[in-house]
């Protein structure tokens, strides 16, 4: 699972399962919560890795603008 949204949705389901399991099996509930937190952390890490630093974003925009401004030579 590499999609942060899917990871978060799965984590929510695990949290819900943990709440249901809490009455009958504390150990299982604790394991579900730990796994849900791991999924949340993984989703956050993926989102952070996908972010472009503001300076790099500005440089990319400037580069794109410069490329668009360049005049293409006419073909004979």
PDB file of N, CA and C in Angstrom:
ATOM      1  N   UNK A   1       0.840  -1.175   0.000  1.00  0.00           N
ATOM      2  CA  UNK A   1       0.000   0.000   0.000  1.00  0.00           C
ATOM      3  C   UNK A   1       0.888   1.242   0.000  1.00  0.00           C
ATOM      4  N   UNK A   2       0.890   1.971  -1.085  1.00  0.00           N
ATOM      5  CA  UNK A   2       1.701   3.155  -1.162  1.00  0.00           C
ATOM      6  C   UNK A   2       0.902   4.434  -1.197  1.00  0.00           C
ATOM      7  N   UNK A   3      -0.391   4.340  -1.144  1.00  0.00           N
ATOM      8  CA  UNK A   3      -1.260   5.507  -1.226  1.00  0.00           C
ATOM      9  C   UNK A   3      -1.608   5.992   0.182  1.00  0.00           C
ATOM     10  N   UNK A   4      -1.217   7.235   0.527  1.00  0.00           N
ATOM     11  CA  UNK A   4      -1.502   7.720   1.881  1.00  0.00           C
ATOM     12  C   UNK A   4      -2.982   7.659   2.268  1.00  0.00           C
ATOM     13  N   UNK A   5      -3.875   7.962   1.321  1.00  0.00           N
ATOM     14  CA  UNK A   5      -5.310   7.902   1.637  1.00  0.00           C
ATOM     15  C   UNK A   5      -5.745   6.489   1.985  1.00  0.00           C
ATOM     16  N   UNK A   6      -5.257   5.522   1.219  1.00  0.00           N
ATOM     17  CA  UNK A   6      -5.606   4.127   1.481  1.00  0.00           C
ATOM     18  C   UNK A   6      -5.038   3.674   2.828  1.00  0.00           C
ATOM     19  N   UNK A   7      -3.816   4.114   3.129  1.00  0.00           N
ATOM     20  CA  UNK A   7      -3.217   3.761   4.422  1.00  0.00           C
ATOM     21  C   UNK A   7      -4.033   4.335   5.573  1.00  0.00           C
ATOM     22  N   UNK A   8      -4.458   5.576   5.428  1.00  0.00           N
ATOM     23  CA  UNK A   8      -5.248   6.211   6.487  1.00  0.00           C
ATOM     24  C   UNK A   8      -6.619   5.541   6.644  1.00  0.00           C
ATOM     25  N   UNK A   9      -7.217   5.169   5.531  1.00  0.00           N
ATOM     26  CA  UNK A   9      -8.515   4.475   5.592  1.00  0.00           C
ATOM     27  C   UNK A   9      -8.366   3.130   6.294  1.00  0.00           C
ATOM     28  N   UNK A  10      -7.287   2.436   6.000  1.00  0.00           N
ATOM     29  CA  UNK A  10      -7.034   1.143   6.645  1.00  0.00           C
ATOM     30  C   UNK A  10      -6.791   1.351   8.144  1.00  0.00           C
ATOM     31  N   UNK A  11      -6.067   2.403   8.484  1.00  0.00           N
ATOM     32  CA  UNK A  11      -5.807   2.701   9.897  1.00  0.00           C
ATOM     33  C   UNK A  11      -7.109   2.970  10.644  1.00  0.00           C
ATOM     34  N   UNK A  12      -8.019   3.692  10.025  1.00  0.00           N
ATOM     35  CA  UNK A  12      -9.312   3.982  10.663  1.00  0.00           C
ATOM     36  C   UNK A  12     -10.068   2.680  10.923  1.00  0.00           C
ATOM     37  N   UNK A  13     -10.031   1.770   9.946  1.00  0.00           N
ATOM     38  CA  UNK A  13     -10.709   0.479  10.146  1.00  0.00           C
ATOM     39  C   UNK A  13     -10.077  -0.299  11.297  1.00  0.00           C
ATOM     40  N   UNK A  14      -8.739  -0.219  11.403  1.00  0.00           N
ATOM     41  CA  UNK A  14      -8.062  -0.918  12.498  1.00  0.00           C
ATOM     42  C   UNK A  14      -8.411  -0.302  13.852  1.00  0.00           C
ATOM     43  N   UNK A  15      -8.483   1.027  13.900  1.00  0.00           N
ATOM     44  CA  UNK A  15      -8.902   1.689  15.148  1.00  0.00           C
ATOM     45  C   UNK A  15     -10.308   1.241  15.541  1.00  0.00           C
ATOM     46  N   UNK A  16     -11.203   1.167  14.564  1.00  0.00           N
ATOM     47  CA  UNK A  16     -12.575   0.736  14.842  1.00  0.00           C
ATOM     48  C   UNK A  16     -12.589  -0.706  15.351  1.00  0.00           C
ATOM     49  N   UNK A  17     -11.796  -1.557  14.719  1.00  0.00           N
ATOM     50  CA  UNK A  17     -11.716  -2.954  15.155  1.00  0.00           C
ATOM     51  C   UNK A  17     -11.143  -3.030  16.569  1.00  0.00           C
ATOM     52  N   UNK A  18     -10.173  -2.176  16.869  1.00  0.00           N
ATOM     53  CA  UNK A  18      -9.584  -2.162  18.212  1.00  0.00           C
ATOM     54  C   UNK A  18     -10.627  -1.779  19.257  1.00  0.00           C
ATOM     55  N   UNK A  19     -11.475  -0.821  18.929  1.00  0.00           N
ATOM     56  CA  UNK A  19     -12.523  -0.409  19.873  1.00  0.00           C
ATOM     57  C   UNK A  19     -13.490  -1.560  20.144  1.00  0.00           C
ATOM     58  N   UNK A  20     -13.802  -2.326  19.096  1.00  0.00           N
ATOM     59  CA  UNK A  20     -14.696  -3.477  19.271  1.00  0.00           C
ATOM     60  C   UNK A  20     -14.007  -4.587  20.067  1.00  0.00           C
ATOM     61  N   UNK A  21     -12.720  -4.768  19.813  1.00  0.00           N
ATOM     62  CA  UNK A  21     -11.989  -5.855  20.478  1.00  0.00           C
ATOM     63  C   UNK A  21     -11.662  -5.526  21.926  1.00  0.00           C
ATOM     64  N   UNK A  22     -11.665  -4.259  22.297  1.00  0.00           N
ATOM     65  CA  UNK A  22     -11.236  -3.824  23.632  1.00  0.00           C
ATOM     66  C   UNK A  22     -12.001  -4.540  24.748  1.00  0.00           C
ATOM     67  N   UNK A  23     -13.288  -4.785  24.551  1.00  0.00           N
ATOM     68  CA  UNK A  23     -14.097  -5.434  25.590  1.00  0.00           C
ATOM     69  C   UNK A  23     -13.707  -6.891  25.812  1.00  0.00           C
ATOM     70  N   UNK A  24     -13.235  -7.562  24.766  1.00  0.00           N
ATOM     71  CA  UNK A  24     -12.988  -9.000  24.856  1.00  0.00           C
ATOM     72  C   UNK A  24     -11.509  -9.360  24.932  1.00  0.00           C
ATOM     73  N   UNK A  25     -10.641  -8.558  24.265  1.00  0.00           N
ATOM     74  CA  UNK A  25      -9.230  -8.951  24.170  1.00  0.00           C
ATOM     75  C   UNK A  25      -8.354  -7.701  24.119  1.00  0.00           C
ATOM     76  N   UNK A  26      -7.870  -7.293  25.282  1.00  0.00           N
ATOM     77  CA  UNK A  26      -7.051  -6.081  25.356  1.00  0.00           C
ATOM     78  C   UNK A  26      -5.763  -6.197  24.548  1.00  0.00           C
ATOM     79  N   UNK A  27      -5.162  -7.367  24.556  1.00  0.00           N
ATOM     80  CA  UNK A  27      -3.902  -7.555  23.827  1.00  0.00           C
ATOM     81  C   UNK A  27      -4.116  -7.380  22.319  1.00  0.00           C
ATOM     82  N   UNK A  28      -5.172  -7.958  21.799  1.00  0.00           N
ATOM     83  CA  UNK A  28      -5.489  -7.798  20.374  1.00  0.00           C
ATOM     84  C   UNK A  28      -5.784  -6.331  20.064  1.00  0.00           C
ATOM     85  N   UNK A  29      -6.535  -5.688  20.913  1.00  0.00           N
ATOM     86  CA  UNK A  29      -6.869  -4.280  20.706  1.00  0.00           C
ATOM     87  C   UNK A  29      -5.601  -3.429  20.683  1.00  0.00           C
ATOM     88  N   UNK A  30      -4.687  -3.725  21.592  1.00  0.00           N
ATOM     89  CA  UNK A  30      -3.430  -2.973  21.624  1.00  0.00           C
ATOM     90  C   UNK A  30      -2.621  -3.186  20.348  1.00  0.00           C
ATOM     91  N   UNK A  31      -2.575  -4.408  19.858  1.00  0.00           N
ATOM     92  CA  UNK A  31      -1.836  -4.691  18.608  1.00  0.00           C
ATOM     93  C   UNK A  31      -2.473  -3.966  17.428  1.00  0.00           C
ATOM     94  N   UNK A  32      -3.801  -3.928  17.393  1.00  0.00           N
ATOM     95  CA  UNK A  32      -4.490  -3.220  16.315  1.00  0.00           C
ATOM     96  C   UNK A  32      -4.197  -1.720  16.348  1.00  0.00           C
ATOM     97  N   UNK A  33      -4.181  -1.164  17.551  1.00  0.00           N
ATOM     98  CA  UNK A  33      -3.887   0.264  17.687  1.00  0.00           C
ATOM     99  C   UNK A  33      -2.450   0.555  17.259  1.00  0.00           C
ATOM    100  N   UNK A  34      -1.518  -0.291  17.669  1.00  0.00           N
ATOM    101  CA  UNK A  34      -0.113  -0.100  17.274  1.00  0.00           C
ATOM    102  C   UNK A  34       0.016  -0.136  15.759  1.00  0.00           C
ATOM    103  N   UNK A  35      -0.632  -1.093  15.127  1.00  0.00           N
ATOM    104  CA  UNK A  35      -0.552  -1.194  13.662  1.00  0.00           C
ATOM    105  C   UNK A  35      -1.216   0.011  12.992  1.00  0.00           C
ATOM    106  N   UNK A  36      -2.323   0.460  13.530  1.00  0.00           N
ATOM    107  CA  UNK A  36      -3.002   1.633  12.970  1.00  0.00           C
ATOM    108  C   UNK A  36      -2.099   2.862  13.052  1.00  0.00           C
ATOM    109  N   UNK A  37      -1.411   3.011  14.152  1.00  0.00           N
ATOM    110  CA  UNK A  37      -0.493   4.142  14.309  1.00  0.00           C
ATOM    111  C   UNK A  37       0.659   4.024  13.317  1.00  0.00           C
ATOM    112  N   UNK A  38       1.152   2.815  13.103  1.00  0.00           N
ATOM    113  CA  UNK A  38       2.220   2.611  12.113  1.00  0.00           C
ATOM    114  C   UNK A  38       1.755   3.025  10.715  1.00  0.00           C
ATOM    115  N   UNK A  39       0.533   2.664  10.374  1.00  0.00           N
ATOM    116  CA  UNK A  39      -0.005   3.038   9.067  1.00  0.00           C
ATOM    117  C   UNK A  39      -0.149   4.548   8.939  1.00  0.00           C
ATOM    118  N   UNK A  40      -0.604   5.189  10.008  1.00  0.00           N
ATOM    119  CA  UNK A  40      -0.726   6.649  10.003  1.00  0.00           C
ATOM    120  C   UNK A  40       0.652   7.287   9.801  1.00  0.00           C
ATOM    121  N   UNK A  41       1.648   6.773  10.488  1.00  0.00           N
ATOM    122  CA  UNK A  41       3.010   7.302  10.364  1.00  0.00           C
ATOM    123  C   UNK A  41       3.554   7.097   8.954  1.00  0.00           C
ATOM    124  N   UNK A  42       3.272   5.935   8.384  1.00  0.00           N
ATOM    125  CA  UNK A  42       3.717   5.649   7.017  1.00  0.00           C
ATOM    126  C   UNK A  42       3.045   6.601   6.018  1.00  0.00           C
ATOM    127  N   UNK A  43       1.767   6.853   6.212  1.00  0.00           N
ATOM    128  CA  UNK A  43       1.046   7.774   5.331  1.00  0.00           C
ATOM    129  C   UNK A  43       1.638   9.179   5.439  1.00  0.00           C
ATOM    130  N   UNK A  44       1.929   9.606   6.651  1.00  0.00           N
ATOM    131  CA  UNK A  44       2.521  10.926   6.858  1.00  0.00           C
ATOM    132  C   UNK A  44       3.890  11.010   6.192  1.00  0.00           C
ATOM    133  N   UNK A  45       4.693   9.962   6.326  1.00  0.00           N
ATOM    134  CA  UNK A  45       6.021   9.949   5.706  1.00  0.00           C
ATOM    135  C   UNK A  45       5.917  10.035   4.185  1.00  0.00           C
ATOM    136  N   UNK A  46       4.966   9.320   3.608  1.00  0.00           N
ATOM    137  CA  UNK A  46       4.775   9.373   2.157  1.00  0.00           C
ATOM    138  C   UNK A  46       4.357  10.773   1.714  1.00  0.00           C
ATOM    139  N   UNK A  47       3.473  11.390   2.480  1.00  0.00           N
ATOM    140  CA  UNK A  47       3.031  12.744   2.145  1.00  0.00           C
ATOM    141  C   UNK A  47       4.184  13.745   2.256  1.00  0.00           C
ATOM    142  N   UNK A  48       5.000  13.606   3.282  1.00  0.00           N
ATOM    143  CA  UNK A  48       6.140  14.507   3.459  1.00  0.00           C
ATOM    144  C   UNK A  48       7.159  14.319   2.339  1.00  0.00           C
ATOM    145  N   UNK A  49       7.382  13.078   1.940  1.00  0.00           N
ATOM    146  CA  UNK A  49       8.343  12.802   0.869  1.00  0.00           C
ATOM    147  C   UNK A  49       7.870  13.355  -0.465  1.00  0.00           C
ATOM    148  N   UNK A  50       6.564  13.445  -0.637  1.00  0.00           N
ATOM    149  CA  UNK A  50       5.997  13.926  -1.895  1.00  0.00           C
ATOM    150  C   UNK A  50       5.999  15.447  -1.988  1.00  0.00           C
ATOM    151  N   UNK A  51       6.173  16.119  -0.865  1.00  0.00           N
ATOM    152  CA  UNK A  51       6.163  17.581  -0.869  1.00  0.00           C
ATOM    153  C   UNK A  51       7.421  18.116  -1.543  1.00  0.00           C
ATOM    154  N   UNK A  52       7.233  19.178  -2.315  1.00  0.00           N
ATOM    155  CA  UNK A  52       8.356  19.855  -2.952  1.00  0.00           C
ATOM    156  C   UNK A  52       8.716  21.054  -2.082  1.00  0.00           C
ATOM    157  N   UNK A  53       9.994  21.180  -1.707  1.00  0.00           N
ATOM    158  CA  UNK A  53      10.374  22.342  -0.896  1.00  0.00           C
ATOM    159  C   UNK A  53      10.043  23.638  -1.630  1.00  0.00           C
ATOM    160  N   UNK A  54       9.594  24.685  -0.927  1.00  0.00           N
ATOM    161  CA  UNK A  54       9.197  25.937  -1.576  1.00  0.00           C
ATOM    162  C   UNK A  54      10.273  26.512  -2.485  1.00  0.00           C
ATOM    163  N   UNK A  55      11.533  26.441  -2.083  1.00  0.00           N
ATOM    164  CA  UNK A  55      12.613  26.984  -2.903  1.00  0.00           C
ATOM    165  C   UNK A  55      12.738  26.199  -4.210  1.00  0.00           C
ATOM    166  N   UNK A  56      12.660  24.881  -4.139  1.00  0.00           N
ATOM    167  CA  UNK A  56      12.740  24.057  -5.345  1.00  0.00           C
ATOM    168  C   UNK A  56      11.543  24.305  -6.249  1.00  0.00           C
ATOM    169  N   UNK A  57      10.386  24.519  -5.654  1.00  0.00           N
ATOM    170  CA  UNK A  57       9.180  24.791  -6.433  1.00  0.00           C
ATOM    171  C   UNK A  57       9.322  26.116  -7.178  1.00  0.00           C
ATOM    172  N   UNK A  58       9.838  27.147  -6.512  1.00  0.00           N
ATOM    173  CA  UNK A  58      10.031  28.450  -7.149  1.00  0.00           C
ATOM    174  C   UNK A  58      11.044  28.341  -8.281  1.00  0.00           C
ATOM    175  N   UNK A  59      12.106  27.583  -8.073  1.00  0.00           N
ATOM    176  CA  UNK A  59      13.123  27.391  -9.107  1.00  0.00           C
ATOM    177  C   UNK A  59      12.529  26.681 -10.311  1.00  0.00           C
ATOM    178  N   UNK A  60      11.716  25.678 -10.075  1.00  0.00           N
ATOM    179  CA  UNK A  60      11.084  24.936 -11.170  1.00  0.00           C
ATOM    180  C   UNK A  60      10.136  25.833 -11.955  1.00  0.00           C
ATOM    181  N   UNK A  61       9.380  26.661 -11.252  1.00  0.00           N
ATOM    182  CA  UNK A  61       8.463  27.577 -11.934  1.00  0.00           C
ATOM    183  C   UNK A  61       9.234  28.583 -12.776  1.00  0.00           C
ATOM    184  N   UNK A  62      10.339  29.098 -12.243  1.00  0.00           N
ATOM    185  CA  UNK A  62      11.159  30.058 -12.964  1.00  0.00           C
ATOM    186  C   UNK A  62      11.753  29.407 -14.217  1.00  0.00           C
ATOM    187  N   UNK A  63      12.217  28.182 -14.080  1.00  0.00           N
ATOM    188  CA  UNK A  63      12.789  27.439 -15.204  1.00  0.00           C
ATOM    189  C   UNK A  63      11.747  27.205 -16.287  1.00  0.00           C
ATOM    190  N   UNK A  64      10.544  26.831 -15.879  1.00  0.00           N
ATOM    191  CA  UNK A  64       9.459  26.601 -16.847  1.00  0.00           C
ATOM    192  C   UNK A  64       9.123  27.886 -17.590  1.00  0.00           C
ATOM    193  N   UNK A  65       9.088  28.990 -16.855  1.00  0.00           N
ATOM    194  CA  UNK A  65       8.777  30.283 -17.465  1.00  0.00           C
ATOM    195  C   UNK A  65       9.859  30.660 -18.484  1.00  0.00           C
ATOM    196  N   UNK A  66      11.122  30.429 -18.140  1.00  0.00           N
ATOM    197  CA  UNK A  66      12.219  30.749 -19.045  1.00  0.00           C
ATOM    198  C   UNK A  66      12.150  29.906 -20.310  1.00  0.00           C
ATOM    199  N   UNK A  67      11.805  28.644 -20.157  1.00  0.00           N
ATOM    200  CA  UNK A  67      11.697  27.764 -21.320  1.00  0.00           C
ATOM    201  C   UNK A  67      10.569  28.229 -22.228  1.00  0.00           C
ATOM    202  N   UNK A  68       9.487  28.677 -21.666  1.00  0.00           N
ATOM    203  CA  UNK A  68       8.352  29.138 -22.458  1.00  0.00           C
ATOM    204  C   UNK A  68       8.680  30.429 -23.197  1.00  0.00           C
ATOM    205  N   UNK A  69       9.554  31.253 -22.603  1.00  0.00           N
ATOM    206  CA  UNK A  69       9.897  32.530 -23.201  1.00  0.00           C
ATOM    207  C   UNK A  69      10.905  32.400 -24.335  1.00  0.00           C
ATOM    208  N   UNK A  70      11.627  31.302 -24.378  1.00  0.00           N
ATOM    209  CA  UNK A  70      12.626  31.130 -25.429  1.00  0.00           C
ATOM    210  C   UNK A  70      11.945  31.020 -26.783  1.00  0.00           C
ATOM    211  N   UNK A  71      12.505  31.739 -27.734  1.00  0.00           N
ATOM    212  CA  UNK A  71      11.957  31.742 -29.088  1.00  0.00           C
ATOM    213  C   UNK A  71      12.515  30.540 -29.830  1.00  0.00           C
ATOM    214  N   UNK A  72      11.639  29.779 -30.401  1.00  0.00           N
ATOM    215  CA  UNK A  72      12.065  28.618 -31.170  1.00  0.00           C
ATOM    216  C   UNK A  72      12.510  29.061 -32.573  1.00  0.00           C
ATOM    217  N   UNK A  73      13.619  28.552 -33.067  1.00  0.00           N
ATOM    218  CA  UNK A  73      14.056  28.935 -34.409  1.00  0.00           C
ATOM    219  C   UNK A  73      13.050  28.461 -35.457  1.00  0.00           C
ATOM    220  N   UNK A  74      12.893  29.284 -36.470  1.00  0.00           N
ATOM    221  CA  UNK A  74      11.967  28.942 -37.550  1.00  0.00           C
ATOM    222  C   UNK A  74      12.598  27.904 -38.459  1.00  0.00           C
ATOM    223  N   UNK A  75      11.797  26.993 -38.900  1.00  0.00           N
ATOM    224  CA  UNK A  75      12.296  25.978 -39.823  1.00  0.00           C
ATOM    225  C   UNK A  75      12.161  26.498 -41.245  1.00  0.00           C
ATOM    226  N   UNK A  76      13.146  26.146 -42.101  1.00  0.00           N
ATOM    227  CA  UNK A  76      13.122  26.593 -43.500  1.00  0.00           C
ATOM    228  C   UNK A  76      12.237  25.724 -44.341  1.00  0.00           C
TER     229      UNK A  76
END
